[in-house]
């Protein structure tokens, strides 16, 4: 038997990495550090180390899990509500 499915609506908190949000992002993640005068952020997660560069997005879902996206991918997957 085959069914057609659609994802349920998903609400998430999103923050884009910019020079103005650097300190907020570092405060969100205990195991993070800024590199090259704030051009990059290294975030240590259970899955490994993620490197963000300016313009990238952090998306924290309803379950508290954070995902990381480039600006281009973020704009395809999410829209502001």
Protein backbone atom coordinates (compact mmCIF):
# COMPACT_ATOMS: atom_id res chain seq x y z
CA UNK A 1 0.00 0.00 0.00
CA UNK A 2 1.34 3.47 -0.86
CA UNK A 3 0.56 6.80 0.80
CA UNK A 4 1.41 10.38 -0.01
CA UNK A 5 2.80 12.38 2.89
CA UNK A 6 3.59 15.98 3.60
CA UNK A 7 5.84 17.22 6.40
CA UNK A 8 4.06 18.72 9.37
CA UNK A 9 4.48 22.45 9.93
CA UNK A 10 7.72 23.02 11.79
CA UNK A 11 8.43 26.10 13.86
CA UNK A 12 12.02 27.02 14.55
CA UNK A 13 14.07 29.83 16.01
CA UNK A 14 16.61 31.07 13.51
CA UNK A 15 19.65 33.29 13.94
CA UNK A 16 22.03 34.38 11.19
CA UNK A 17 25.72 34.66 12.00
CA UNK A 18 26.80 38.28 11.57
CA UNK A 19 29.21 40.51 13.47
CA UNK A 20 26.20 41.75 15.49
CA UNK A 21 25.06 38.24 16.50
CA UNK A 22 28.49 36.75 17.27
CA UNK A 23 28.26 37.14 21.05
CA UNK A 24 24.67 35.81 21.13
CA UNK A 25 25.70 32.69 19.21
CA UNK A 26 28.72 32.08 21.42
CA UNK A 27 26.42 32.34 24.46
CA UNK A 28 24.04 29.71 22.99
CA UNK A 29 26.75 27.06 22.74
CA UNK A 30 29.07 26.40 25.67
CA UNK A 31 31.58 24.54 23.50
CA UNK A 32 32.11 27.18 20.85
CA UNK A 33 34.85 29.61 19.91
CA UNK A 34 35.38 32.47 17.52
CA UNK A 35 38.22 32.37 15.00
CA UNK A 36 39.92 34.98 12.81
CA UNK A 37 38.43 38.01 14.56
CA UNK A 38 34.87 36.67 14.36
CA UNK A 39 34.95 35.53 10.73
CA UNK A 40 34.26 31.91 11.77
CA UNK A 41 32.70 30.08 14.70
CA UNK A 42 33.58 26.53 15.69
CA UNK A 43 30.75 24.73 17.52
CA UNK A 44 31.34 21.36 19.15
CA UNK A 45 28.23 19.16 19.06
CA UNK A 46 27.51 15.51 19.83
CA UNK A 47 27.95 14.81 16.11
CA UNK A 48 31.33 16.56 15.83
CA UNK A 49 32.64 20.04 15.11
CA UNK A 50 30.74 22.45 12.87
CA UNK A 51 32.37 25.50 11.34
CA UNK A 52 30.12 28.45 10.57
CA UNK A 53 31.11 31.46 8.53
CA UNK A 54 29.39 34.82 8.40
CA UNK A 55 26.02 34.59 6.69
CA UNK A 56 25.33 31.00 7.84
CA UNK A 57 22.22 30.20 9.88
CA UNK A 58 21.54 28.29 13.09
CA UNK A 59 18.05 26.79 13.25
CA UNK A 60 16.82 25.46 16.59
CA UNK A 61 13.68 23.37 16.29
CA UNK A 62 10.84 22.58 18.64
CA UNK A 63 12.79 19.62 20.04
CA UNK A 64 15.77 21.82 20.95
CA UNK A 65 18.05 20.33 18.29
CA UNK A 66 20.14 22.82 16.33
CA UNK A 67 20.91 22.50 12.64
CA UNK A 68 23.29 24.60 10.61
CA UNK A 69 22.71 25.90 7.08
CA UNK A 70 24.44 28.09 4.54
CA UNK A 71 22.47 31.18 3.58
CA UNK A 72 21.46 29.70 0.20
CA UNK A 73 20.16 26.45 1.68
CA UNK A 74 18.37 28.30 4.47
CA UNK A 75 16.48 30.51 2.00
CA UNK A 76 15.29 27.42 0.10
CA UNK A 77 14.10 25.53 3.21
CA UNK A 78 12.62 28.27 5.40
CA UNK A 79 10.40 31.33 5.11
CA UNK A 80 9.78 34.00 7.72
CA UNK A 81 6.41 33.94 9.45
